[in-house]
C-alpha atoms as a PDB file:
ATOM      1  CA  UNK A   1     129.562 161.847  88.950  1.00  0.00           C
ATOM      2  CA  UNK A   2     127.735 158.577  88.425  1.00  0.00           C
ATOM      3  CA  UNK A   3     130.442 156.794  86.365  1.00  0.00           C
ATOM      4  CA  UNK A   4     134.127 155.852  87.052  1.00  0.00           C
ATOM      5  CA  UNK A   5     136.745 155.708  84.330  1.00  0.00           C
ATOM      6  CA  UNK A   6     137.814 152.153  83.349  1.00  0.00           C
ATOM      7  CA  UNK A   7     141.422 151.193  83.912  1.00  0.00           C
ATOM      8  CA  UNK A   8     143.666 150.830  80.897  1.00  0.00           C
ATOM      9  CA  UNK A   9     145.289 147.480  80.072  1.00  0.00           C
ATOM     10  CA  UNK A  10     148.719 149.128  80.226  1.00  0.00           C
ATOM     11  CA  UNK A  11     148.384 149.015  84.016  1.00  0.00           C
ATOM     12  CA  UNK A  12     147.748 145.256  84.096  1.00  0.00           C
ATOM     13  CA  UNK A  13     150.389 142.631  84.901  1.00  0.00           C
ATOM     14  CA  UNK A  14     149.758 139.786  82.505  1.00  0.00           C
ATOM     15  CA  UNK A  15     150.229 136.288  83.936  1.00  0.00           C
ATOM     16  CA  UNK A  16     153.231 134.138  83.038  1.00  0.00           C
ATOM     17  CA  UNK A  17     153.162 133.056  79.411  1.00  0.00           C
ATOM     18  CA  UNK A  18     151.436 136.231  78.340  1.00  0.00           C
ATOM     19  CA  UNK A  19     152.436 139.769  77.398  1.00  0.00           C
ATOM     20  CA  UNK A  20     150.492 143.005  76.990  1.00  0.00           C
ATOM     21  CA  UNK A  21     148.991 143.498  73.594  1.00  0.00           C
ATOM     22  CA  UNK A  22     150.357 146.247  71.402  1.00  0.00           C
ATOM     23  CA  UNK A  23     148.585 149.550  72.268  1.00  0.00           C
ATOM     24  CA  UNK A  24     147.551 148.180  75.679  1.00  0.00           C
ATOM     25  CA  UNK A  25     147.289 151.769  77.012  1.00  0.00           C
ATOM     26  CA  UNK A  26     144.478 152.365  74.587  1.00  0.00           C
ATOM     27  CA  UNK A  27     142.515 149.293  75.660  1.00  0.00           C
ATOM     28  CA  UNK A  28     140.062 149.502  78.573  1.00  0.00           C
ATOM     29  CA  UNK A  29     139.561 146.887  81.249  1.00  0.00           C
ATOM     30  CA  UNK A  30     136.011 146.246  82.455  1.00  0.00           C
ATOM     31  CA  UNK A  31     136.338 148.221  85.683  1.00  0.00           C
ATOM     32  CA  UNK A  32     138.409 150.784  87.506  1.00  0.00           C
ATOM     33  CA  UNK A  33     141.074 148.161  88.145  1.00  0.00           C
ATOM     34  CA  UNK A  34     142.203 145.489  85.711  1.00  0.00           C
ATOM     35  CA  UNK A  35     141.801 141.969  87.102  1.00  0.00           C
ATOM     36  CA  UNK A  36     142.343 138.400  85.993  1.00  0.00           C
ATOM     37  CA  UNK A  37     139.239 138.292  83.853  1.00  0.00           C
ATOM     38  CA  UNK A  38     140.733 141.096  81.744  1.00  0.00           C
ATOM     39  CA  UNK A  39     143.606 138.825  80.662  1.00  0.00           C
ATOM     40  CA  UNK A  40     141.993 137.929  77.343  1.00  0.00           C
ATOM     41  CA  UNK A  41     141.333 141.607  76.670  1.00  0.00           C
ATOM     42  CA  UNK A  42     144.723 142.962  77.636  1.00  0.00           C
ATOM     43  CA  UNK A  43     147.164 140.145  76.955  1.00  0.00           C
ATOM     44  CA  UNK A  44     148.379 138.041  74.114  1.00  0.00           C
ATOM     45  CA  UNK A  45     149.519 134.462  74.631  1.00  0.00           C
ATOM     46  CA  UNK A  46     153.257 133.980  74.101  1.00  0.00           C
ATOM     47  CA  UNK A  47     154.566 131.134  71.957  1.00  0.00           C
ATOM     48  CA  UNK A  48     156.241 128.299  73.837  1.00  0.00           C
ATOM     49  CA  UNK A  49     159.891 127.548  73.148  1.00  0.00           C
ATOM     50  CA  UNK A  50     158.891 124.086  71.959  1.00  0.00           C
ATOM     51  CA  UNK A  51     157.751 125.798  68.749  1.00  0.00           C
ATOM     52  CA  UNK A  52     161.118 127.476  68.265  1.00  0.00           C
ATOM     53  CA  UNK A  53     163.607 126.137  65.734  1.00  0.00           C
ATOM     54  CA  UNK A  54     167.070 126.373  67.244  1.00  0.00           C
ATOM     55  CA  UNK A  55     169.923 127.353  64.901  1.00  0.00           C
ATOM     56  CA  UNK A  56     172.741 125.000  63.952  1.00  0.00           C
ATOM     57  CA  UNK A  57     175.000 124.100  66.844  1.00  0.00           C
ATOM     58  CA  UNK A  58     172.254 124.546  69.429  1.00  0.00           C
ATOM     59  CA  UNK A  59     169.421 122.464  70.853  1.00  0.00           C
ATOM     60  CA  UNK A  60     166.213 123.227  72.723  1.00  0.00           C
ATOM     61  CA  UNK A  61     166.611 123.475  76.471  1.00  0.00           C
ATOM     62  CA  UNK A  62     165.248 120.569  78.486  1.00  0.00           C
ATOM     63  CA  UNK A  63     162.535 122.780  79.997  1.00  0.00           C
ATOM     64  CA  UNK A  64     161.566 124.346  76.658  1.00  0.00           C
ATOM     65  CA  UNK A  65     157.957 123.288  77.308  1.00  0.00           C
ATOM     66  CA  UNK A  66     157.961 125.683  80.227  1.00  0.00           C
ATOM     67  CA  UNK A  67     159.740 128.591  78.526  1.00  0.00           C
ATOM     68  CA  UNK A  68     158.214 131.288  76.349  1.00  0.00           C
ATOM     69  CA  UNK A  69     159.321 133.359  73.417  1.00  0.00           C
ATOM     70  CA  UNK A  70     158.992 137.138  73.486  1.00  0.00           C
ATOM     71  CA  UNK A  71     155.922 137.232  71.269  1.00  0.00           C
ATOM     72  CA  UNK A  72     153.129 135.180  69.789  1.00  0.00           C
ATOM     73  CA  UNK A  73     155.616 133.650  67.402  1.00  0.00           C
ATOM     74  CA  UNK A  74     159.190 132.701  68.150  1.00  0.00           C
ATOM     75  CA  UNK A  75     161.953 134.445  66.220  1.00  0.00           C
ATOM     76  CA  UNK A  76     165.728 134.161  65.968  1.00  0.00           C
ATOM     77  CA  UNK A  77     166.010 136.569  68.882  1.00  0.00           C
ATOM     78  CA  UNK A  78     164.429 133.944  71.147  1.00  0.00           C
ATOM     79  CA  UNK A  79     167.328 131.501  70.684  1.00  0.00           C
ATOM     80  CA  UNK A  80     169.037 132.765  73.823  1.00  0.00           C
ATOM     81  CA  UNK A  81     165.893 132.004  75.809  1.00  0.00           C
ATOM     82  CA  UNK A  82     164.994 128.681  74.222  1.00  0.00           C
ATOM     83  CA  UNK A  83     168.261 127.076  73.165  1.00  0.00           C
ATOM     84  CA  UNK A  84     171.491 125.682  74.583  1.00  0.00           C
ATOM     85  CA  UNK A  85     174.710 125.593  72.630  1.00  0.00           C
ATOM     86  CA  UNK A  86     175.600 121.978  71.867  1.00  0.00           C
ATOM     87  CA  UNK A  87     178.514 120.759  73.945  1.00  0.00           C
ATOM     88  CA  UNK A  88     181.802 120.130  72.166  1.00  0.00           C
ATOM     89  CA  UNK A  89     183.401 116.714  72.312  1.00  0.00           C
ATOM     90  CA  UNK A  90     186.442 118.233  74.006  1.00  0.00           C
ATOM     91  CA  UNK A  91     184.357 118.328  77.204  1.00  0.00           C
ATOM     92  CA  UNK A  92     183.610 114.611  77.045  1.00  0.00           C
ATOM     93  CA  UNK A  93     185.443 112.003  79.113  1.00  0.00           C
ATOM     94  CA  UNK A  94     185.963 109.078  76.780  1.00  0.00           C
ATOM     95  CA  UNK A  95     185.370 105.655  78.325  1.00  0.00           C
ATOM     96  CA  UNK A  96     188.290 103.362  79.138  1.00  0.00           C
ATOM     97  CA  UNK A  97     189.980 102.059  76.015  1.00  0.00           C
ATOM     98  CA  UNK A  98     189.299 105.136  73.907  1.00  0.00           C
ATOM     99  CA  UNK A  99     190.678 108.630  73.346  1.00  0.00           C
ATOM    100  CA  UNK A 100     189.222 111.939  72.118  1.00  0.00           C
ATOM    101  CA  UNK A 101     189.363 112.410  68.382  1.00  0.00           C
ATOM    102  CA  UNK A 102     191.906 114.861  67.051  1.00  0.00           C
ATOM    103  CA  UNK A 103     189.157 117.286  66.009  1.00  0.00           C
ATOM    104  CA  UNK A 104     187.139 116.900  69.218  1.00  0.00           C
ATOM    105  CA  UNK A 105     187.181 120.674  69.704  1.00  0.00           C
ATOM    106  CA  UNK A 106     184.906 121.182  66.691  1.00  0.00           C
ATOM    107  CA  UNK A 107     182.679 118.103  66.956  1.00  0.00           C
ATOM    108  CA  UNK A 108     179.389 118.704  68.769  1.00  0.00           C
ATOM    109  CA  UNK A 109     177.560 116.290  71.010  1.00  0.00           C
ATOM    110  CA  UNK A 110     173.839 115.607  70.781  1.00  0.00           C
ATOM    111  CA  UNK A 111     172.916 117.925  73.647  1.00  0.00           C
ATOM    112  CA  UNK A 112     174.311 120.792  75.693  1.00  0.00           C
ATOM    113  CA  UNK A 113     176.120 118.179  77.785  1.00  0.00           C
ATOM    114  CA  UNK A 114     177.934 115.218  76.232  1.00  0.00           C
ATOM    115  CA  UNK A 115     176.676 111.803  77.333  1.00  0.00           C
ATOM    116  CA  UNK A 116     177.597 108.158  76.811  1.00  0.00           C
ATOM    117  CA  UNK A 117     175.605 108.230  73.588  1.00  0.00           C
ATOM    118  CA  UNK A 118     178.234 110.581  72.141  1.00  0.00           C
ATOM    119  CA  UNK A 119     181.126 108.164  72.714  1.00  0.00           C
ATOM    120  CA  UNK A 120     181.335 106.912  69.133  1.00  0.00           C
ATOM    121  CA  UNK A 121     181.096 110.464  67.823  1.00  0.00           C
ATOM    122  CA  UNK A 122     183.749 111.909  70.130  1.00  0.00           C
ATOM    123  CA  UNK A 123     186.197 109.072  70.683  1.00  0.00           C
ATOM    124  CA  UNK A 124     188.496 106.721  68.794  1.00  0.00           C
ATOM    125  CA  UNK A 125     189.437 103.302  70.165  1.00  0.00           C
ATOM    126  CA  UNK A 126     192.927 102.952  71.644  1.00  0.00           C
ATOM    127  CA  UNK A 127     195.171 100.193  70.391  1.00  0.00           C
ATOM    128  CA  UNK A 128     195.327  97.147  72.641  1.00  0.00           C
ATOM    129  CA  UNK A 129     198.632  96.138  74.197  1.00  0.00           C
ATOM    130  CA  UNK A 130     198.119  92.821  72.419  1.00  0.00           C
ATOM    131  CA  UNK A 131     199.125  94.644  69.239  1.00  0.00           C
ATOM    132  CA  UNK A 132     202.463  95.769  70.700  1.00  0.00           C
ATOM    133  CA  UNK A 133     205.564  93.673  70.144  1.00  0.00           C
ATOM    134  CA  UNK A 134     207.743  93.857  73.214  1.00  0.00           C
ATOM    135  CA  UNK A 135     211.475  94.367  72.501  1.00  0.00           C
ATOM    136  CA  UNK A 136     214.271  91.995  73.443  1.00  0.00           C
ATOM    137  CA  UNK A 137     214.468  91.616  77.203  1.00  0.00           C
ATOM    138  CA  UNK A 138     210.740  92.158  77.731  1.00  0.00           C
ATOM    139  CA  UNK A 139     207.641  89.963  77.636  1.00  0.00           C
ATOM    140  CA  UNK A 140     203.969  90.971  77.294  1.00  0.00           C
ATOM    141  CA  UNK A 141     202.314  92.040  80.523  1.00  0.00           C
ATOM    142  CA  UNK A 142     200.146  89.290  82.038  1.00  0.00           C
ATOM    143  CA  UNK A 143     197.122  91.554  81.574  1.00  0.00           C
ATOM    144  CA  UNK A 144     198.059  92.817  78.086  1.00  0.00           C
ATOM    145  CA  UNK A 145     194.638  91.875  76.701  1.00  0.00           C
ATOM    146  CA  UNK A 146     193.053  94.328  79.145  1.00  0.00           C
ATOM    147  CA  UNK A 147     195.575  97.143  78.713  1.00  0.00           C
ATOM    148  CA  UNK A 148     195.715  99.901  76.120  1.00  0.00           C
ATOM    149  CA  UNK A 149     198.378 101.960  74.438  1.00  0.00           C
ATOM    150  CA  UNK A 150     198.287 105.744  74.620  1.00  0.00           C
ATOM    151  CA  UNK A 151     197.211 106.269  71.032  1.00  0.00           C
ATOM    152  CA  UNK A 152     195.410 104.465  68.221  1.00  0.00           C
ATOM    153  CA  UNK A 153     198.723 102.823  67.392  1.00  0.00           C
ATOM    154  CA  UNK A 154     201.164 101.453  69.912  1.00  0.00           C
ATOM    155  CA  UNK A 155     204.682 102.861  70.033  1.00  0.00           C
ATOM    156  CA  UNK A 156     207.850 102.618  72.126  1.00  0.00           C
ATOM    157  CA  UNK A 157     206.252 104.970  74.630  1.00  0.00           C
ATOM    158  CA  UNK A 158     203.835 102.171  75.558  1.00  0.00           C
ATOM    159  CA  UNK A 159     206.542  99.676  76.475  1.00  0.00           C
ATOM    160  CA  UNK A 160     206.261 100.224  80.227  1.00  0.00           C
ATOM    161  CA  UNK A 161     202.482  99.792  80.073  1.00  0.00           C
ATOM    162  CA  UNK A 162     202.355  96.759  77.814  1.00  0.00           C
ATOM    163  CA  UNK A 163     205.512  94.868  78.756  1.00  0.00           C
ATOM    164  CA  UNK A 164     207.298  93.398  81.750  1.00  0.00           C
ATOM    165  CA  UNK A 165     211.074  93.575  81.883  1.00  0.00           C
ATOM    166  CA  UNK A 166     212.701  90.174  82.173  1.00  0.00           C
ATOM    167  CA  UNK A 167     215.192  89.474  84.911  1.00  0.00           C
ATOM    168  CA  UNK A 168     218.777  89.727  83.691  1.00  0.00           C
ATOM    169  CA  UNK A 169     221.200  86.854  84.077  1.00  0.00           C
ATOM    170  CA  UNK A 170     223.603  87.482  86.963  1.00  0.00           C
ATOM    171  CA  UNK A 171     226.314  85.454  88.673  1.00  0.00           C
ATOM    172  CA  UNK A 172     224.055  84.431  91.526  1.00  0.00           C
ATOM    173  CA  UNK A 173     221.755  82.530  89.144  1.00  0.00           C
ATOM    174  CA  UNK A 174     224.442  79.911  88.601  1.00  0.00           C
ATOM    175  CA  UNK A 175     224.708  77.133  91.233  1.00  0.00           C
ATOM    176  CA  UNK A 176     227.842  75.236  92.214  1.00  0.00           C
ATOM    177  CA  UNK A 177     229.418  73.460  89.247  1.00  0.00           C
ATOM    178  CA  UNK A 178     228.175  76.165  86.854  1.00  0.00           C
ATOM    179  CA  UNK A 179     229.688  79.402  85.603  1.00  0.00           C
ATOM    180  CA  UNK A 180     227.937  82.423  83.979  1.00  0.00           C
ATOM    181  CA  UNK A 181     227.909  82.324  80.186  1.00  0.00           C
ATOM    182  CA  UNK A 182     230.410  84.658  78.597  1.00  0.00           C
ATOM    183  CA  UNK A 183     227.545  86.855  77.308  1.00  0.00           C
ATOM    184  CA  UNK A 184     225.369  86.528  80.396  1.00  0.00           C
ATOM    185  CA  UNK A 185     225.079  90.322  80.719  1.00  0.00           C
ATOM    186  CA  UNK A 186     223.093  90.287  77.464  1.00  0.00           C
ATOM    187  CA  UNK A 187     220.917  87.337  78.427  1.00  0.00           C
ATOM    188  CA  UNK A 188     217.571  87.328  80.188  1.00  0.00           C
ATOM    189  CA  UNK A 189     215.642  84.933  82.361  1.00  0.00           C
ATOM    190  CA  UNK A 190     212.242  83.560  81.395  1.00  0.00           C
ATOM    191  CA  UNK A 191     210.323  85.857  83.725  1.00  0.00           C
ATOM    192  CA  UNK A 192     210.579  89.013  85.798  1.00  0.00           C
ATOM    193  CA  UNK A 193     212.658  87.236  88.416  1.00  0.00           C
ATOM    194  CA  UNK A 194     215.344  84.673  87.725  1.00  0.00           C
ATOM    195  CA  UNK A 195     215.061  81.212  89.269  1.00  0.00           C
ATOM    196  CA  UNK A 196     216.626  77.759  89.066  1.00  0.00           C
ATOM    197  CA  UNK A 197     214.725  77.232  85.835  1.00  0.00           C
ATOM    198  CA  UNK A 198     216.988  79.807  84.165  1.00  0.00           C
ATOM    199  CA  UNK A 199     220.285  77.985  84.820  1.00  0.00           C
ATOM    200  CA  UNK A 200     220.543  76.656  81.251  1.00  0.00           C
ATOM    201  CA  UNK A 201     219.830  80.092  79.781  1.00  0.00           C
ATOM    202  CA  UNK A 202     222.329  81.929  81.977  1.00  0.00           C
ATOM    203  CA  UNK A 203     225.034  79.406  82.852  1.00  0.00           C
ATOM    204  CA  UNK A 204     227.412  76.825  81.434  1.00  0.00           C
ATOM    205  CA  UNK A 205     228.453  73.747  83.385  1.00  0.00           C
ATOM    206  CA  UNK A 206     232.073  73.749  84.528  1.00  0.00           C
ATOM    207  CA  UNK A 207     234.295  71.306  82.724  1.00  0.00           C
ATOM    208  CA  UNK A 208     235.538  68.213  84.603  1.00  0.00           C
ATOM    209  CA  UNK A 209     238.937  66.585  84.605  1.00  0.00           C
ATOM    210  CA  UNK A 210     237.505  63.674  82.619  1.00  0.00           C
ATOM    211  CA  UNK A 211     237.361  66.056  79.623  1.00  0.00           C
ATOM    212  CA  UNK A 212     240.930  67.273  80.040  1.00  0.00           C
ATOM    213  CA  UNK A 213     243.765  65.788  78.018  1.00  0.00           C
ATOM    214  CA  UNK A 214     246.867  65.968  80.182  1.00  0.00           C
ATOM    215  CA  UNK A 215     249.946  67.151  78.211  1.00  0.00           C
ATOM    216  CA  UNK A 216     253.006  65.003  77.525  1.00  0.00           C
ATOM    217  CA  UNK A 217     254.847  64.196  80.713  1.00  0.00           C
ATOM    218  CA  UNK A 218     251.654  64.200  82.768  1.00  0.00           C
ATOM    219  CA  UNK A 219     248.947  61.659  83.515  1.00  0.00           C
ATOM    220  CA  UNK A 220     245.458  62.097  84.970  1.00  0.00           C
ATOM    221  CA  UNK A 221     245.339  61.820  88.699  1.00  0.00           C
ATOM    222  CA  UNK A 222     243.366  58.934  90.089  1.00  0.00           C
ATOM    223  CA  UNK A 223     239.823  59.697  91.228  1.00  0.00           C
ATOM    224  CA  UNK A 224     239.616  63.157  89.674  1.00  0.00           C
ATOM    225  CA  UNK A 225     237.357  62.379  86.694  1.00  0.00           C
ATOM    226  CA  UNK A 226     234.499  64.361  88.262  1.00  0.00           C
ATOM    227  CA  UNK A 227     236.644  67.110  89.751  1.00  0.00           C
ATOM    228  CA  UNK A 228     235.620  70.534  88.387  1.00  0.00           C
ATOM    229  CA  UNK A 229     237.862  72.682  86.276  1.00  0.00           C
ATOM    230  CA  UNK A 230     238.017  76.458  86.635  1.00  0.00           C
ATOM    231  CA  UNK A 231     235.954  77.202  83.534  1.00  0.00           C
ATOM    232  CA  UNK A 232     233.489  75.665  81.083  1.00  0.00           C
ATOM    233  CA  UNK A 233     236.402  74.105  79.191  1.00  0.00           C
ATOM    234  CA  UNK A 234     239.368  72.718  81.064  1.00  0.00           C
ATOM    235  CA  UNK A 235     242.668  74.368  80.181  1.00  0.00           C
ATOM    236  CA  UNK A 236     246.310  74.416  81.175  1.00  0.00           C
ATOM    237  CA  UNK A 237     245.286  76.255  84.346  1.00  0.00           C
ATOM    238  CA  UNK A 238     243.666  73.011  85.480  1.00  0.00           C
ATOM    239  CA  UNK A 239     246.747  70.877  84.872  1.00  0.00           C
ATOM    240  CA  UNK A 240     247.750  70.895  88.522  1.00  0.00           C
ATOM    241  CA  UNK A 241     244.232  69.863  89.568  1.00  0.00           C
ATOM    242  CA  UNK A 242     243.664  67.149  87.016  1.00  0.00           C
ATOM    243  CA  UNK A 243     247.162  65.824  86.298  1.00  0.00           C
ATOM    244  CA  UNK A 244     250.266  64.549  88.020  1.00  0.00           C
ATOM    245  CA  UNK A 245     253.785  64.945  86.568  1.00  0.00           C
ATOM    246  CA  UNK A 246     255.358  61.698  85.338  1.00  0.00           C
ATOM    247  CA  UNK A 247     258.838  60.791  86.526  1.00  0.00           C
ATOM    248  CA  UNK A 248     261.626  60.896  83.934  1.00  0.00           C
ATOM    249  CA  UNK A 249     263.453  57.681  83.180  1.00  0.00           C
ATOM    250  CA  UNK A 250     266.624  59.369  84.418  1.00  0.00           C
ATOM    251  CA  UNK A 251     265.292  58.668  87.916  1.00  0.00           C
ATOM    252  CA  UNK A 252     264.880  54.966  87.218  1.00  0.00           C
ATOM    253  CA  UNK A 253     267.369  52.459  88.580  1.00  0.00           C
ATOM    254  CA  UNK A 254     267.949  49.869  85.868  1.00  0.00           C
ATOM    255  CA  UNK A 255     268.489  46.309  87.181  1.00  0.00           C
ATOM    256  CA  UNK A 256     271.818  44.474  86.780  1.00  0.00           C
ATOM    257  CA  UNK A 257     272.681  43.869  83.172  1.00  0.00           C
ATOM    258  CA  UNK A 258     270.721  46.947  81.961  1.00  0.00           C
ATOM    259  CA  UNK A 259     271.634  50.579  81.460  1.00  0.00           C
ATOM    260  CA  UNK A 260     269.514  53.683  80.842  1.00  0.00           C
ATOM    261  CA  UNK A 261     268.619  54.397  77.278  1.00  0.00           C
ATOM    262  CA  UNK A 262     270.469  57.297  75.684  1.00  0.00           C
ATOM    263  CA  UNK A 263     267.193  59.276  75.482  1.00  0.00           C
ATOM    264  CA  UNK A 264     266.217  58.509  79.064  1.00  0.00           C
ATOM    265  CA  UNK A 265     266.099  62.254  79.808  1.00  0.00           C
ATOM    266  CA  UNK A 266     263.102  62.552  77.455  1.00  0.00           C
ATOM    267  CA  UNK A 267     261.275  59.346  78.346  1.00  0.00           C
ATOM    268  CA  UNK A 268     258.690  59.241  81.113  1.00  0.00           C
ATOM    269  CA  UNK A 269     257.803  56.481  83.471  1.00  0.00           C
ATOM    270  CA  UNK A 270     254.152  55.417  83.842  1.00  0.00           C
ATOM    271  CA  UNK A 271     253.660  57.282  87.112  1.00  0.00           C
ATOM    272  CA  UNK A 272     255.020  60.018  89.287  1.00  0.00           C
ATOM    273  CA  UNK A 273     257.690  57.557  90.414  1.00  0.00           C
ATOM    274  CA  UNK A 274     259.499  55.036  88.267  1.00  0.00           C
ATOM    275  CA  UNK A 275     259.034  51.366  89.210  1.00  0.00           C
ATOM    276  CA  UNK A 276     260.338  48.031  88.053  1.00  0.00           C
ATOM    277  CA  UNK A 277     257.520  47.976  85.499  1.00  0.00           C
ATOM    278  CA  UNK A 278     259.198  50.925  83.731  1.00  0.00           C
ATOM    279  CA  UNK A 279     262.433  48.955  83.078  1.00  0.00           C
ATOM    280  CA  UNK A 280     261.545  48.058  79.511  1.00  0.00           C
ATOM    281  CA  UNK A 281     260.556  51.674  78.837  1.00  0.00           C
ATOM    282  CA  UNK A 282     263.677  53.234  80.327  1.00  0.00           C
ATOM    283  CA  UNK A 283     266.520  50.666  80.019  1.00  0.00           C
END
């Protein structure tokens, strides 16, 4: 025969971005084999994904300009090809000083991956440690202005983050001539570690014999005014340290012509031994 039968378009592989026309098996190419120049005859141009309107909660893929819908016009069925689901805020790492919002699981970011631009949408600011009032025995951390609580409001749970525990008054804070205050176990130093600066807060000075009033029958020893008592206030326990017992007039020898007073047993000489100077007192 002098003529060959033309190939049908149904046998042609359309290039990317194209698809066979409907009824392609009824359309003839120009020759026995369909070739590139038959593209316009056999194929229809597919719509690009950039013309597709993604449904709520989705966004066009970044390479949508290089993706194609299934036909000359995009339809809802092309969403899987053209669109990404928007990322949820729960996948976002909030920047320092902020925390995911309570409803982060239902809030969507602006793209299929959350970015820094979504921070205000996804995150709430954390409370600063400056807003936390440290309890008794604690002081604000030196870096409190740069530290954050665990939530939008500070609570007791943030104490270890926001505060520094003060050193507690102990016996070894007090130097010689001082004694721990009676309530020193409930007192704190000015900083994390106690030092000499905390003596007044933690300690009381020991009393001295100069503040002790010796009882009747005793007189202050000579040279003991600055001698320390056993506690902050001198007491009867310090009598032996601060005082000397006075001699009773019964031990006094009255000179010739004098005799001991009837109450000599209850009268004291001026010192621990009676002397001639005690005659008027005792005789």
